[in-house]
Amino acid sequence: MLEIWTPWIGLIAALLTTSSFIPQALKTIKTRSARDFSWPYLLLFGISVSLWALYGLLRNDGVIIGANLVTLLLILVIGAVKARHI
């Protein structure tokens, strides 16, 4: 019975995790300030989601790949704003 729900649980978790980062990215773009983000945080988080995306590729899991690539894109946007407005 749980086998039916397992992919849906993963999809919902991935959507919620990735979506939770969108408001912060939009605020960063709007205010043009990423001052509250530290470089170590952005670097470590970027590396971790890159590794998750790689894991998804190795497992052939589109949900893991997609969620982490979108999150990586959002991190790159925040990093670009931070670099531009130092």
PDB file of N, CA and C in Angstrom:
ATOM      1  N   MET A   1       0.811  -1.200   0.000  1.00  0.00           N
ATOM      2  CA  MET A   1       0.000   0.000   0.000  1.00  0.00           C
ATOM      3  C   MET A   1       0.860   1.273   0.000  1.00  0.00           C
ATOM      4  N   LEU A   2       1.912   1.284   0.830  1.00  0.00           N
ATOM      5  CA  LEU A   2       2.786   2.453   0.873  1.00  0.00           C
ATOM      6  C   LEU A   2       3.540   2.659  -0.430  1.00  0.00           C
ATOM      7  N   GLU A   3       3.776   1.602  -1.169  1.00  0.00           N
ATOM      8  CA  GLU A   3       4.510   1.719  -2.429  1.00  0.00           C
ATOM      9  C   GLU A   3       3.803   2.648  -3.402  1.00  0.00           C
ATOM     10  N   ILE A   4       2.502   2.711  -3.326  1.00  0.00           N
ATOM     11  CA  ILE A   4       1.727   3.600  -4.195  1.00  0.00           C
ATOM     12  C   ILE A   4       2.005   5.058  -3.838  1.00  0.00           C
ATOM     13  N   TRP A   5       2.155   5.349  -2.565  1.00  0.00           N
ATOM     14  CA  TRP A   5       2.323   6.715  -2.093  1.00  0.00           C
ATOM     15  C   TRP A   5       3.765   7.203  -2.092  1.00  0.00           C
ATOM     16  N   THR A   6       4.719   6.305  -2.119  1.00  0.00           N
ATOM     17  CA  THR A   6       6.125   6.688  -2.005  1.00  0.00           C
ATOM     18  C   THR A   6       6.553   7.735  -3.033  1.00  0.00           C
ATOM     19  N   PRO A   7       6.258   7.557  -4.333  1.00  0.00           N
ATOM     20  CA  PRO A   7       6.676   8.588  -5.295  1.00  0.00           C
ATOM     21  C   PRO A   7       6.000   9.938  -5.044  1.00  0.00           C
ATOM     22  N   TRP A   8       4.754   9.907  -4.605  1.00  0.00           N
ATOM     23  CA  TRP A   8       4.032  11.151  -4.342  1.00  0.00           C
ATOM     24  C   TRP A   8       4.607  11.882  -3.136  1.00  0.00           C
ATOM     25  N   ILE A   9       4.976  11.137  -2.123  1.00  0.00           N
ATOM     26  CA  ILE A   9       5.596  11.750  -0.946  1.00  0.00           C
ATOM     27  C   ILE A   9       6.903  12.431  -1.350  1.00  0.00           C
ATOM     28  N   GLY A  10       7.706  11.759  -2.164  1.00  0.00           N
ATOM     29  CA  GLY A  10       8.958  12.342  -2.644  1.00  0.00           C
ATOM     30  C   GLY A  10       8.725  13.587  -3.481  1.00  0.00           C
ATOM     31  N   LEU A  11       7.731  13.540  -4.361  1.00  0.00           N
ATOM     32  CA  LEU A  11       7.425  14.685  -5.219  1.00  0.00           C
ATOM     33  C   LEU A  11       6.964  15.881  -4.388  1.00  0.00           C
ATOM     34  N   ILE A  12       6.065  15.641  -3.453  1.00  0.00           N
ATOM     35  CA  ILE A  12       5.571  16.727  -2.602  1.00  0.00           C
ATOM     36  C   ILE A  12       6.704  17.311  -1.761  1.00  0.00           C
ATOM     37  N   ALA A  13       7.537  16.457  -1.194  1.00  0.00           N
ATOM     38  CA  ALA A  13       8.679  16.936  -0.403  1.00  0.00           C
ATOM     39  C   ALA A  13       9.613  17.780  -1.260  1.00  0.00           C
ATOM     40  N   ALA A  14       9.899  17.328  -2.473  1.00  0.00           N
ATOM     41  CA  ALA A  14      10.790  18.070  -3.370  1.00  0.00           C
ATOM     42  C   ALA A  14      10.190  19.424  -3.740  1.00  0.00           C
ATOM     43  N   LEU A  15       8.897  19.444  -4.051  1.00  0.00           N
ATOM     44  CA  LEU A  15       8.239  20.702  -4.411  1.00  0.00           C
ATOM     45  C   LEU A  15       8.238  21.688  -3.244  1.00  0.00           C
ATOM     46  N   LEU A  16       7.944  21.199  -2.053  1.00  0.00           N
ATOM     47  CA  LEU A  16       7.919  22.084  -0.890  1.00  0.00           C
ATOM     48  C   LEU A  16       9.314  22.600  -0.538  1.00  0.00           C
ATOM     49  N   THR A  17      10.304  21.734  -0.598  1.00  0.00           N
ATOM     50  CA  THR A  17      11.671  22.149  -0.279  1.00  0.00           C
ATOM     51  C   THR A  17      12.158  23.210  -1.260  1.00  0.00           C
ATOM     52  N   THR A  18      11.961  22.956  -2.538  1.00  0.00           N
ATOM     53  CA  THR A  18      12.396  23.907  -3.560  1.00  0.00           C
ATOM     54  C   THR A  18      11.587  25.194  -3.480  1.00  0.00           C
ATOM     55  N   SER A  19      10.280  25.072  -3.312  1.00  0.00           N
ATOM     56  CA  SER A  19       9.411  26.251  -3.235  1.00  0.00           C
ATOM     57  C   SER A  19       9.742  27.133  -2.042  1.00  0.00           C
ATOM     58  N   SER A  20      10.225  26.550  -0.975  1.00  0.00           N
ATOM     59  CA  SER A  20      10.540  27.341   0.214  1.00  0.00           C
ATOM     60  C   SER A  20      11.676  28.322  -0.041  1.00  0.00           C
ATOM     61  N   PHE A  21      12.474  28.070  -1.049  1.00  0.00           N
ATOM     62  CA  PHE A  21      13.604  28.944  -1.356  1.00  0.00           C
ATOM     63  C   PHE A  21      13.193  30.086  -2.288  1.00  0.00           C
ATOM     64  N   ILE A  22      12.083  29.951  -2.988  1.00  0.00           N
ATOM     65  CA  ILE A  22      11.653  30.950  -3.971  1.00  0.00           C
ATOM     66  C   ILE A  22      11.382  32.317  -3.338  1.00  0.00           C
ATOM     67  N   PRO A  23      10.631  32.418  -2.230  1.00  0.00           N
ATOM     68  CA  PRO A  23      10.398  33.751  -1.659  1.00  0.00           C
ATOM     69  C   PRO A  23      11.685  34.490  -1.297  1.00  0.00           C
ATOM     70  N   GLN A  24      12.666  33.772  -0.790  1.00  0.00           N
ATOM     71  CA  GLN A  24      13.926  34.425  -0.428  1.00  0.00           C
ATOM     72  C   GLN A  24      14.667  34.907  -1.671  1.00  0.00           C
ATOM     73  N   ALA A  25      14.651  34.105  -2.727  1.00  0.00           N
ATOM     74  CA  ALA A  25      15.298  34.517  -3.973  1.00  0.00           C
ATOM     75  C   ALA A  25      14.598  35.748  -4.553  1.00  0.00           C
ATOM     76  N   LEU A  26      13.264  35.757  -4.531  1.00  0.00           N
ATOM     77  CA  LEU A  26      12.521  36.911  -5.049  1.00  0.00           C
ATOM     78  C   LEU A  26      12.798  38.163  -4.218  1.00  0.00           C
ATOM     79  N   LYS A  27      12.855  38.009  -2.904  1.00  0.00           N
ATOM     80  CA  LYS A  27      13.168  39.150  -2.033  1.00  0.00           C
ATOM     81  C   LYS A  27      14.573  39.669  -2.316  1.00  0.00           C
ATOM     82  N   THR A  28      15.503  38.760  -2.531  1.00  0.00           N
ATOM     83  CA  THR A  28      16.879  39.150  -2.835  1.00  0.00           C
ATOM     84  C   THR A  28      16.940  39.938  -4.137  1.00  0.00           C
ATOM     85  N   ILE A  29      16.206  39.481  -5.138  1.00  0.00           N
ATOM     86  CA  ILE A  29      16.179  40.187  -6.424  1.00  0.00           C
ATOM     87  C   ILE A  29      15.525  41.555  -6.258  1.00  0.00           C
ATOM     88  N   LYS A  30      14.399  41.596  -5.549  1.00  0.00           N
ATOM     89  CA  LYS A  30      13.652  42.841  -5.372  1.00  0.00           C
ATOM     90  C   LYS A  30      14.460  43.884  -4.610  1.00  0.00           C
ATOM     91  N   THR A  31      15.086  43.475  -3.521  1.00  0.00           N
ATOM     92  CA  THR A  31      15.840  44.423  -2.691  1.00  0.00           C
ATOM     93  C   THR A  31      17.275  44.621  -3.175  1.00  0.00           C
ATOM     94  N   ARG A  32      17.699  43.756  -4.080  1.00  0.00           N
ATOM     95  CA  ARG A  32      19.081  43.762  -4.576  1.00  0.00           C
ATOM     96  C   ARG A  32      20.089  43.651  -3.435  1.00  0.00           C
ATOM     97  N   SER A  33      19.700  42.868  -2.448  1.00  0.00           N
ATOM     98  CA  SER A  33      20.581  42.675  -1.300  1.00  0.00           C
ATOM     99  C   SER A  33      20.566  41.214  -0.874  1.00  0.00           C
ATOM    100  N   ALA A  34      21.747  40.645  -0.802  1.00  0.00           N
ATOM    101  CA  ALA A  34      21.907  39.283  -0.288  1.00  0.00           C
ATOM    102  C   ALA A  34      22.853  39.327   0.906  1.00  0.00           C
ATOM    103  N   ARG A  35      22.867  40.457   1.541  1.00  0.00           N
ATOM    104  CA  ARG A  35      23.795  40.710   2.638  1.00  0.00           C
ATOM    105  C   ARG A  35      23.656  39.699   3.777  1.00  0.00           C
ATOM    106  N   ASP A  36      22.446  39.223   4.019  1.00  0.00           N
ATOM    107  CA  ASP A  36      22.229  38.290   5.132  1.00  0.00           C
ATOM    108  C   ASP A  36      22.689  36.869   4.828  1.00  0.00           C
ATOM    109  N   PHE A  37      23.050  36.602   3.595  1.00  0.00           N
ATOM    110  CA  PHE A  37      23.564  35.280   3.227  1.00  0.00           C
ATOM    111  C   PHE A  37      25.083  35.301   3.315  1.00  0.00           C
ATOM    112  N   SER A  38      25.646  34.332   3.995  1.00  0.00           N
ATOM    113  CA  SER A  38      27.105  34.250   4.044  1.00  0.00           C
ATOM    114  C   SER A  38      27.593  33.444   2.840  1.00  0.00           C
ATOM    115  N   TRP A  39      28.801  33.753   2.396  1.00  0.00           N
ATOM    116  CA  TRP A  39      29.390  32.994   1.284  1.00  0.00           C
ATOM    117  C   TRP A  39      29.555  31.517   1.634  1.00  0.00           C
ATOM    118  N   PRO A  40      30.000  31.191   2.852  1.00  0.00           N
ATOM    119  CA  PRO A  40      30.110  29.757   3.175  1.00  0.00           C
ATOM    120  C   PRO A  40      28.765  29.028   3.072  1.00  0.00           C
ATOM    121  N   TYR A  41      27.685  29.676   3.520  1.00  0.00           N
ATOM    122  CA  TYR A  41      26.359  29.058   3.414  1.00  0.00           C
ATOM    123  C   TYR A  41      26.003  28.795   1.955  1.00  0.00           C
ATOM    124  N   LEU A  42      26.144  29.818   1.119  1.00  0.00           N
ATOM    125  CA  LEU A  42      25.794  29.666  -0.295  1.00  0.00           C
ATOM    126  C   LEU A  42      26.654  28.596  -0.959  1.00  0.00           C
ATOM    127  N   LEU A  43      27.938  28.577  -0.644  1.00  0.00           N
ATOM    128  CA  LEU A  43      28.845  27.591  -1.227  1.00  0.00           C
ATOM    129  C   LEU A  43      28.485  26.174  -0.786  1.00  0.00           C
ATOM    130  N   LEU A  44      28.312  25.980   0.513  1.00  0.00           N
ATOM    131  CA  LEU A  44      27.990  24.640   1.021  1.00  0.00           C
ATOM    132  C   LEU A  44      26.625  24.164   0.531  1.00  0.00           C
ATOM    133  N   PHE A  45      25.657  25.056   0.527  1.00  0.00           N
ATOM    134  CA  PHE A  45      24.325  24.678   0.058  1.00  0.00           C
ATOM    135  C   PHE A  45      24.361  24.368  -1.436  1.00  0.00           C
ATOM    136  N   GLY A  46      25.107  25.169  -2.195  1.00  0.00           N
ATOM    137  CA  GLY A  46      25.247  24.915  -3.632  1.00  0.00           C
ATOM    138  C   GLY A  46      25.913  23.581  -3.920  1.00  0.00           C
ATOM    139  N   ILE A  47      26.953  23.267  -3.171  1.00  0.00           N
ATOM    140  CA  ILE A  47      27.626  21.971  -3.341  1.00  0.00           C
ATOM    141  C   ILE A  47      26.680  20.833  -2.976  1.00  0.00           C
ATOM    142  N   SER A  48      25.936  21.000  -1.884  1.00  0.00           N
ATOM    143  CA  SER A  48      25.056  19.905  -1.448  1.00  0.00           C
ATOM    144  C   SER A  48      23.942  19.641  -2.454  1.00  0.00           C
ATOM    145  N   VAL A  49      23.310  20.689  -2.995  1.00  0.00           N
ATOM    146  CA  VAL A  49      22.245  20.430  -3.971  1.00  0.00           C
ATOM    147  C   VAL A  49      22.818  19.921  -5.293  1.00  0.00           C
ATOM    148  N   SER A  50      24.045  20.316  -5.614  1.00  0.00           N
ATOM    149  CA  SER A  50      24.698  19.757  -6.808  1.00  0.00           C
ATOM    150  C   SER A  50      24.926  18.260  -6.641  1.00  0.00           C
ATOM    151  N   LEU A  51      25.368  17.875  -5.459  1.00  0.00           N
ATOM    152  CA  LEU A  51      25.573  16.446  -5.193  1.00  0.00           C
ATOM    153  C   LEU A  51      24.252  15.687  -5.187  1.00  0.00           C
ATOM    154  N   TRP A  52      23.193  16.302  -4.665  1.00  0.00           N
ATOM    155  CA  TRP A  52      21.878  15.663  -4.715  1.00  0.00           C
ATOM    156  C   TRP A  52      21.421  15.486  -6.164  1.00  0.00           C
ATOM    157  N   ALA A  53      21.665  16.487  -6.998  1.00  0.00           N
ATOM    158  CA  ALA A  53      21.293  16.368  -8.413  1.00  0.00           C
ATOM    159  C   ALA A  53      22.088  15.247  -9.078  1.00  0.00           C
ATOM    160  N   LEU A  54      23.368  15.155  -8.765  1.00  0.00           N
ATOM    161  CA  LEU A  54      24.195  14.074  -9.299  1.00  0.00           C
ATOM    162  C   LEU A  54      23.669  12.724  -8.827  1.00  0.00           C
ATOM    163  N   TYR A  55      23.315  12.639  -7.561  1.00  0.00           N
ATOM    164  CA  TYR A  55      22.728  11.413  -7.016  1.00  0.00           C
ATOM    165  C   TYR A  55      21.451  11.054  -7.785  1.00  0.00           C
ATOM    166  N   GLY A  56      20.631  12.049  -8.051  1.00  0.00           N
ATOM    167  CA  GLY A  56      19.416  11.819  -8.825  1.00  0.00           C
ATOM    168  C   GLY A  56      19.720  11.303 -10.220  1.00  0.00           C
ATOM    169  N   LEU A  57      20.763  11.853 -10.842  1.00  0.00           N
ATOM    170  CA  LEU A  57      21.179  11.360 -12.162  1.00  0.00           C
ATOM    171  C   LEU A  57      21.611   9.904 -12.090  1.00  0.00           C
ATOM    172  N   LEU A  58      22.402   9.588 -11.085  1.00  0.00           N
ATOM    173  CA  LEU A  58      22.887   8.214 -10.934  1.00  0.00           C
ATOM    174  C   LEU A  58      21.748   7.246 -10.641  1.00  0.00           C
ATOM    175  N   ARG A  59      20.717   7.724  -9.970  1.00  0.00           N
ATOM    176  CA  ARG A  59      19.560   6.888  -9.635  1.00  0.00           C
ATOM    177  C   ARG A  59      18.465   6.982 -10.695  1.00  0.00           C
ATOM    178  N   ASN A  60      18.686   7.859 -11.678  1.00  0.00           N
ATOM    179  CA  ASN A  60      17.694   8.094 -12.728  1.00  0.00           C
ATOM    180  C   ASN A  60      16.360   8.537 -12.115  1.00  0.00           C
ATOM    181  N   ASP A  61      16.442   9.489 -11.189  1.00  0.00           N
ATOM    182  CA  ASP A  61      15.272   9.976 -10.466  1.00  0.00           C
ATOM    183  C   ASP A  61      15.024  11.437 -10.835  1.00  0.00           C
ATOM    184  N   GLY A  62      14.055  11.650 -11.706  1.00  0.00           N
ATOM    185  CA  GLY A  62      13.759  12.984 -12.205  1.00  0.00           C
ATOM    186  C   GLY A  62      13.338  13.970 -11.137  1.00  0.00           C
ATOM    187  N   VAL A  63      12.650  13.494 -10.114  1.00  0.00           N
ATOM    188  CA  VAL A  63      12.210  14.384  -9.038  1.00  0.00           C
ATOM    189  C   VAL A  63      13.415  14.953  -8.297  1.00  0.00           C
ATOM    190  N   ILE A  64      14.353  14.108  -7.944  1.00  0.00           N
ATOM    191  CA  ILE A  64      15.551  14.568  -7.231  1.00  0.00           C
ATOM    192  C   ILE A  64      16.370  15.489  -8.127  1.00  0.00           C
ATOM    193  N   ILE A  65      16.514  15.123  -9.379  1.00  0.00           N
ATOM    194  CA  ILE A  65      17.285  15.950 -10.314  1.00  0.00           C
ATOM    195  C   ILE A  65      16.644  17.327 -10.453  1.00  0.00           C
ATOM    196  N   GLY A  66      15.365  17.345 -10.785  1.00  0.00           N
ATOM    197  CA  GLY A  66      14.667  18.603 -11.037  1.00  0.00           C
ATOM    198  C   GLY A  66      14.647  19.532  -9.842  1.00  0.00           C
ATOM    199  N   ALA A  67      14.289  18.993  -8.693  1.00  0.00           N
ATOM    200  CA  ALA A  67      14.190  19.828  -7.492  1.00  0.00           C
ATOM    201  C   ALA A  67      15.532  20.459  -7.152  1.00  0.00           C
ATOM    202  N   ASN A  68      16.584  19.696  -7.258  1.00  0.00           N
ATOM    203  CA  ASN A  68      17.889  20.217  -6.868  1.00  0.00           C
ATOM    204  C   ASN A  68      18.490  21.141  -7.910  1.00  0.00           C
ATOM    205  N   LEU A  69      18.197  20.930  -9.177  1.00  0.00           N
ATOM    206  CA  LEU A  69      18.679  21.866 -10.193  1.00  0.00           C
ATOM    207  C   LEU A  69      17.972  23.213 -10.075  1.00  0.00           C
ATOM    208  N   VAL A  70      16.673  23.195  -9.776  1.00  0.00           N
ATOM    209  CA  VAL A  70      15.950  24.452  -9.574  1.00  0.00           C
ATOM    210  C   VAL A  70      16.495  25.173  -8.342  1.00  0.00           C
ATOM    211  N   THR A  71      16.720  24.439  -7.267  1.00  0.00           N
ATOM    212  CA  THR A  71      17.283  25.041  -6.056  1.00  0.00           C
ATOM    213  C   THR A  71      18.674  25.606  -6.331  1.00  0.00           C
ATOM    214  N   LEU A  72      19.484  24.883  -7.090  1.00  0.00           N
ATOM    215  CA  LEU A  72      20.815  25.376  -7.446  1.00  0.00           C
ATOM    216  C   LEU A  72      20.707  26.676  -8.240  1.00  0.00           C
ATOM    217  N   LEU A  73      19.764  26.749  -9.154  1.00  0.00           N
ATOM    218  CA  LEU A  73      19.559  27.974  -9.926  1.00  0.00           C
ATOM    219  C   LEU A  73      19.222  29.142  -8.995  1.00  0.00           C
ATOM    220  N   LEU A  74      18.348  28.904  -8.023  1.00  0.00           N
ATOM    221  CA  LEU A  74      17.989  29.960  -7.074  1.00  0.00           C
ATOM    222  C   LEU A  74      19.192  30.395  -6.240  1.00  0.00           C
ATOM    223  N   ILE A  75      20.012  29.454  -5.843  1.00  0.00           N
ATOM    224  CA  ILE A  75      21.225  29.779  -5.083  1.00  0.00           C
ATOM    225  C   ILE A  75      22.175  30.609  -5.946  1.00  0.00           C
ATOM    226  N   LEU A  76      22.301  30.243  -7.211  1.00  0.00           N
ATOM    227  CA  LEU A  76      23.170  31.001  -8.119  1.00  0.00           C
ATOM    228  C   LEU A  76      22.666  32.426  -8.310  1.00  0.00           C
ATOM    229  N   VAL A  77      21.350  32.600  -8.378  1.00  0.00           N
ATOM    230  CA  VAL A  77      20.778  33.944  -8.497  1.00  0.00           C
ATOM    231  C   VAL A  77      21.128  34.768  -7.262  1.00  0.00           C
ATOM    232  N   ILE A  78      20.929  34.193  -6.088  1.00  0.00           N
ATOM    233  CA  ILE A  78      21.250  34.907  -4.848  1.00  0.00           C
ATOM    234  C   ILE A  78      22.748  35.215  -4.782  1.00  0.00           C
ATOM    235  N   GLY A  79      23.582  34.260  -5.170  1.00  0.00           N
ATOM    236  CA  GLY A  79      25.024  34.484  -5.190  1.00  0.00           C
ATOM    237  C   GLY A  79      25.416  35.583  -6.162  1.00  0.00           C
ATOM    238  N   ALA A  80      24.752  35.632  -7.315  1.00  0.00           N
ATOM    239  CA  ALA A  80      25.045  36.678  -8.301  1.00  0.00           C
ATOM    240  C   ALA A  80      24.674  38.053  -7.758  1.00  0.00           C
ATOM    241  N   VAL A  81      23.523  38.137  -7.101  1.00  0.00           N
ATOM    242  CA  VAL A  81      23.123  39.414  -6.499  1.00  0.00           C
ATOM    243  C   VAL A  81      24.127  39.809  -5.416  1.00  0.00           C
ATOM    244  N   LYS A  82      24.524  38.856  -4.607  1.00  0.00           N
ATOM    245  CA  LYS A  82      25.491  39.142  -3.537  1.00  0.00           C
ATOM    246  C   LYS A  82      26.820  39.617  -4.125  1.00  0.00           C
ATOM    247  N   ALA A  83      27.302  38.954  -5.158  1.00  0.00           N
ATOM    248  CA  ALA A  83      28.580  39.321  -5.775  1.00  0.00           C
ATOM    249  C   ALA A  83      28.506  40.695  -6.436  1.00  0.00           C
ATOM    250  N   ARG A  84      27.363  40.999  -6.986  1.00  0.00           N
ATOM    251  CA  ARG A  84      27.210  42.253  -7.709  1.00  0.00           C
ATOM    252  C   ARG A  84      27.096  43.459  -6.774  1.00  0.00           C
ATOM    253  N   HIS A  85      26.596  43.226  -5.590  1.00  0.00           N
ATOM    254  CA  HIS A  85      26.326  44.334  -4.669  1.00  0.00           C
ATOM    255  C   HIS A  85      27.135  44.216  -3.382  1.00  0.00           C
ATOM    256  N   ILE A  86      28.392  43.864  -3.534  1.00  0.00           N
ATOM    257  CA  ILE A  86      29.258  43.755  -2.343  1.00  0.00           C
ATOM    258  C   ILE A  86      29.620  45.141  -1.854  1.00  0.00           C
TER     259      ILE A  86
END
